[in-house]
Amino acid sequence: MMKIDLDWMSKRTSRFLIALKKPYEIRRGNKGVNIRSDCPGCPRTQDCYDCHIYVIYDDRNRLKLNRQQKYRGLSHNILWDIKRGQKKPDTWHWIETEQDIDRFLRQFTGFW
């Protein structure tokens, strides 16, 4: 399961969300969006954290922590429902088409 935490919404990340293989789930987080999707697997390394999607789009601090925890045999790749007492994230939305993600982005950004 691919789980990504996008902290900053930009035109580049919105294009990524539109192009990402569907179906997937998305929700508003505290600062950005969280994504859950079935991952086809990386053919070269078999390690998700070396995948170009994680390297380019995932939160850098989360990626570093996930790598450290994975190699130490600890729990990793978790999207928290409550983080440091901040507000709870939104509910998960199921995305099946480009229209679904466009509708979600319009709610999230107000203009995209």
C-alpha atoms as a PDB file:
ATOM      1  CA  MET A   1       0.000   0.000   0.000  1.00  0.00           C
ATOM      2  CA  MET A   2       1.407   3.352  -1.036  1.00  0.00           C
ATOM      3  CA  LYS A   3       0.805   6.092   1.554  1.00  0.00           C
ATOM      4  CA  ILE A   4       1.950   9.628   0.788  1.00  0.00           C
ATOM      5  CA  ASP A   5       1.788  12.832   2.829  1.00  0.00           C
ATOM      6  CA  LEU A   6       1.789  15.929   0.606  1.00  0.00           C
ATOM      7  CA  ASP A   7       2.356  19.017   2.740  1.00  0.00           C
ATOM      8  CA  TRP A   8       2.230  21.681   0.025  1.00  0.00           C
ATOM      9  CA  MET A   9      -0.328  21.967  -2.736  1.00  0.00           C
ATOM     10  CA  SER A  10       1.014  23.368  -5.970  1.00  0.00           C
ATOM     11  CA  LYS A  11       0.231  23.072  -9.645  1.00  0.00           C
ATOM     12  CA  ARG A  12       2.819  20.286  -9.857  1.00  0.00           C
ATOM     13  CA  THR A  13       1.210  18.233  -7.078  1.00  0.00           C
ATOM     14  CA  SER A  14      -2.267  18.770  -8.512  1.00  0.00           C
ATOM     15  CA  ARG A  15      -1.037  17.436 -11.877  1.00  0.00           C
ATOM     16  CA  PHE A  16       0.436  14.447 -10.031  1.00  0.00           C
ATOM     17  CA  LEU A  17      -2.908  13.760  -8.328  1.00  0.00           C
ATOM     18  CA  ILE A  18      -4.755  13.932 -11.652  1.00  0.00           C
ATOM     19  CA  ALA A  19      -2.242  11.588 -13.323  1.00  0.00           C
ATOM     20  CA  LEU A  20      -1.923   9.108 -10.427  1.00  0.00           C
ATOM     21  CA  LYS A  21      -3.271   5.633 -11.249  1.00  0.00           C
ATOM     22  CA  LYS A  22      -6.859   5.369 -10.088  1.00  0.00           C
ATOM     23  CA  PRO A  23      -8.632   4.337  -7.933  1.00  0.00           C
ATOM     24  CA  TYR A  24      -7.118   5.777  -4.763  1.00  0.00           C
ATOM     25  CA  GLU A  25      -8.202   7.460  -1.540  1.00  0.00           C
ATOM     26  CA  ILE A  26      -7.403  11.020  -0.514  1.00  0.00           C
ATOM     27  CA  ARG A  27      -8.119  13.242   2.470  1.00  0.00           C
ATOM     28  CA  ARG A  28      -7.251  16.691   3.737  1.00  0.00           C
ATOM     29  CA  GLY A  29      -4.573  16.568   6.385  1.00  0.00           C
ATOM     30  CA  ASN A  30      -3.372  19.223   8.804  1.00  0.00           C
ATOM     31  CA  LYS A  31      -1.226  21.055   6.228  1.00  0.00           C
ATOM     32  CA  GLY A  32      -1.859  19.263   2.936  1.00  0.00           C
ATOM     33  CA  VAL A  33      -3.337  15.985   1.712  1.00  0.00           C
ATOM     34  CA  ASN A  34      -2.807  12.296   2.442  1.00  0.00           C
ATOM     35  CA  ILE A  35      -3.068   9.599  -0.228  1.00  0.00           C
ATOM     36  CA  ARG A  36      -3.572   5.820   0.035  1.00  0.00           C
ATOM     37  CA  SER A  37      -3.264   3.722  -3.099  1.00  0.00           C
ATOM     38  CA  ASP A  38      -2.395   0.219  -4.208  1.00  0.00           C
ATOM     39  CA  CYS A  39       1.196   0.256  -5.348  1.00  0.00           C
ATOM     40  CA  PRO A  40       2.269  -1.823  -8.349  1.00  0.00           C
ATOM     41  CA  GLY A  41       5.715  -2.229  -6.770  1.00  0.00           C
ATOM     42  CA  CYS A  42       9.051  -0.920  -7.910  1.00  0.00           C
ATOM     43  CA  PRO A  43      10.698  -3.417 -10.280  1.00  0.00           C
ATOM     44  CA  ARG A  44      14.303  -2.303  -9.634  1.00  0.00           C
ATOM     45  CA  THR A  45      14.761  -2.136  -5.875  1.00  0.00           C
ATOM     46  CA  GLN A  46      11.567  -3.614  -4.384  1.00  0.00           C
ATOM     47  CA  ASP A  47      11.759  -0.795  -1.813  1.00  0.00           C
ATOM     48  CA  CYS A  48       8.934   1.755  -1.906  1.00  0.00           C
ATOM     49  CA  TYR A  49      11.078   4.484  -0.344  1.00  0.00           C
ATOM     50  CA  ASP A  50      13.402   4.462  -3.363  1.00  0.00           C
ATOM     51  CA  CYS A  51      10.413   4.915  -5.705  1.00  0.00           C
ATOM     52  CA  HIS A  52      10.415   8.210  -7.618  1.00  0.00           C
ATOM     53  CA  ILE A  53       6.903   8.993  -6.330  1.00  0.00           C
ATOM     54  CA  TYR A  54       8.039   8.944  -2.692  1.00  0.00           C
ATOM     55  CA  VAL A  55      11.297  10.744  -3.413  1.00  0.00           C
ATOM     56  CA  ILE A  56       9.631  13.576  -5.366  1.00  0.00           C
ATOM     57  CA  TYR A  57       6.290  14.041  -3.595  1.00  0.00           C
ATOM     58  CA  ASP A  58       6.331  12.664  -0.031  1.00  0.00           C
ATOM     59  CA  ASP A  59       7.085  14.853   2.977  1.00  0.00           C
ATOM     60  CA  ARG A  60      10.902  14.806   3.378  1.00  0.00           C
ATOM     61  CA  ASN A  61      10.856  14.441   7.170  1.00  0.00           C
ATOM     62  CA  ARG A  62       8.306  11.627   6.990  1.00  0.00           C
ATOM     63  CA  LEU A  63      10.335   9.837   4.310  1.00  0.00           C
ATOM     64  CA  LYS A  64      13.528  10.042   6.390  1.00  0.00           C
ATOM     65  CA  LEU A  65      11.738   8.783   9.512  1.00  0.00           C
ATOM     66  CA  ASN A  66      10.049   5.945   7.582  1.00  0.00           C
ATOM     67  CA  ARG A  67      13.387   4.747   6.187  1.00  0.00           C
ATOM     68  CA  GLN A  68      15.041   4.789   9.606  1.00  0.00           C
ATOM     69  CA  GLN A  69      12.158   2.962  11.270  1.00  0.00           C
ATOM     70  CA  LYS A  70      11.856   0.366   8.493  1.00  0.00           C
ATOM     71  CA  TYR A  71      15.535  -0.592   8.643  1.00  0.00           C
ATOM     72  CA  ARG A  72      15.323  -0.872  12.454  1.00  0.00           C
ATOM     73  CA  GLY A  73      12.261  -3.131  12.247  1.00  0.00           C
ATOM     74  CA  LEU A  74       9.882  -0.537  13.734  1.00  0.00           C
ATOM     75  CA  SER A  75       6.426   0.508  12.507  1.00  0.00           C
ATOM     76  CA  HIS A  76       6.611   2.777   9.449  1.00  0.00           C
ATOM     77  CA  ASN A  77       4.510   4.196   6.582  1.00  0.00           C
ATOM     78  CA  ILE A  78       1.712   5.417   8.870  1.00  0.00           C
ATOM     79  CA  LEU A  79      -0.634   8.315   8.153  1.00  0.00           C
ATOM     80  CA  TRP A  80      -1.665   9.530  11.606  1.00  0.00           C
ATOM     81  CA  ASP A  81      -5.281  10.389  12.373  1.00  0.00           C
ATOM     82  CA  ILE A  82      -4.237  12.740  15.200  1.00  0.00           C
ATOM     83  CA  LYS A  83      -0.769  14.261  15.261  1.00  0.00           C
ATOM     84  CA  ARG A  84       0.607  16.123  18.299  1.00  0.00           C
ATOM     85  CA  GLY A  85      -2.872  17.124  19.508  1.00  0.00           C
ATOM     86  CA  GLN A  86      -3.720  19.072  16.350  1.00  0.00           C
ATOM     87  CA  LYS A  87      -7.092  18.879  14.664  1.00  0.00           C
ATOM     88  CA  LYS A  88      -8.246  15.620  13.118  1.00  0.00           C
ATOM     89  CA  PRO A  89      -7.866  15.178   9.357  1.00  0.00           C
ATOM     90  CA  ASP A  90     -10.844  15.018   7.010  1.00  0.00           C
ATOM     91  CA  THR A  91     -12.582  11.775   6.009  1.00  0.00           C
ATOM     92  CA  TRP A  92     -11.203   9.687   3.159  1.00  0.00           C
ATOM     93  CA  HIS A  93     -12.607  10.371  -0.344  1.00  0.00           C
ATOM     94  CA  TRP A  94     -12.598   7.659  -3.009  1.00  0.00           C
ATOM     95  CA  ILE A  95     -11.166   8.853  -6.344  1.00  0.00           C
ATOM     96  CA  GLU A  96     -12.049   6.861  -9.470  1.00  0.00           C
ATOM     97  CA  THR A  97     -11.923   9.452 -12.260  1.00  0.00           C
ATOM     98  CA  GLU A  98     -10.249  12.739 -13.159  1.00  0.00           C
ATOM     99  CA  GLN A  99     -13.552  14.472 -12.397  1.00  0.00           C
ATOM    100  CA  ASP A 100     -13.474  13.136  -8.818  1.00  0.00           C
ATOM    101  CA  ILE A 101      -9.993  14.538  -8.153  1.00  0.00           C
ATOM    102  CA  ASP A 102     -10.894  17.803  -9.874  1.00  0.00           C
ATOM    103  CA  ARG A 103     -13.923  18.129  -7.595  1.00  0.00           C
ATOM    104  CA  PHE A 104     -11.751  17.376  -4.539  1.00  0.00           C
ATOM    105  CA  LEU A 105      -9.074  19.883  -5.576  1.00  0.00           C
ATOM    106  CA  ARG A 106     -11.700  22.594  -6.057  1.00  0.00           C
ATOM    107  CA  GLN A 107     -12.940  22.039  -2.486  1.00  0.00           C
ATOM    108  CA  PHE A 108      -9.413  21.917  -1.112  1.00  0.00           C
ATOM    109  CA  THR A 109      -7.922  24.920  -2.876  1.00  0.00           C
ATOM    110  CA  GLY A 110     -11.018  26.897  -3.691  1.00  0.00           C
ATOM    111  CA  PHE A 111      -9.897  27.652  -7.240  1.00  0.00           C
ATOM    112  CA  TRP A 112      -7.954  24.772  -8.843  1.00  0.00           C
END
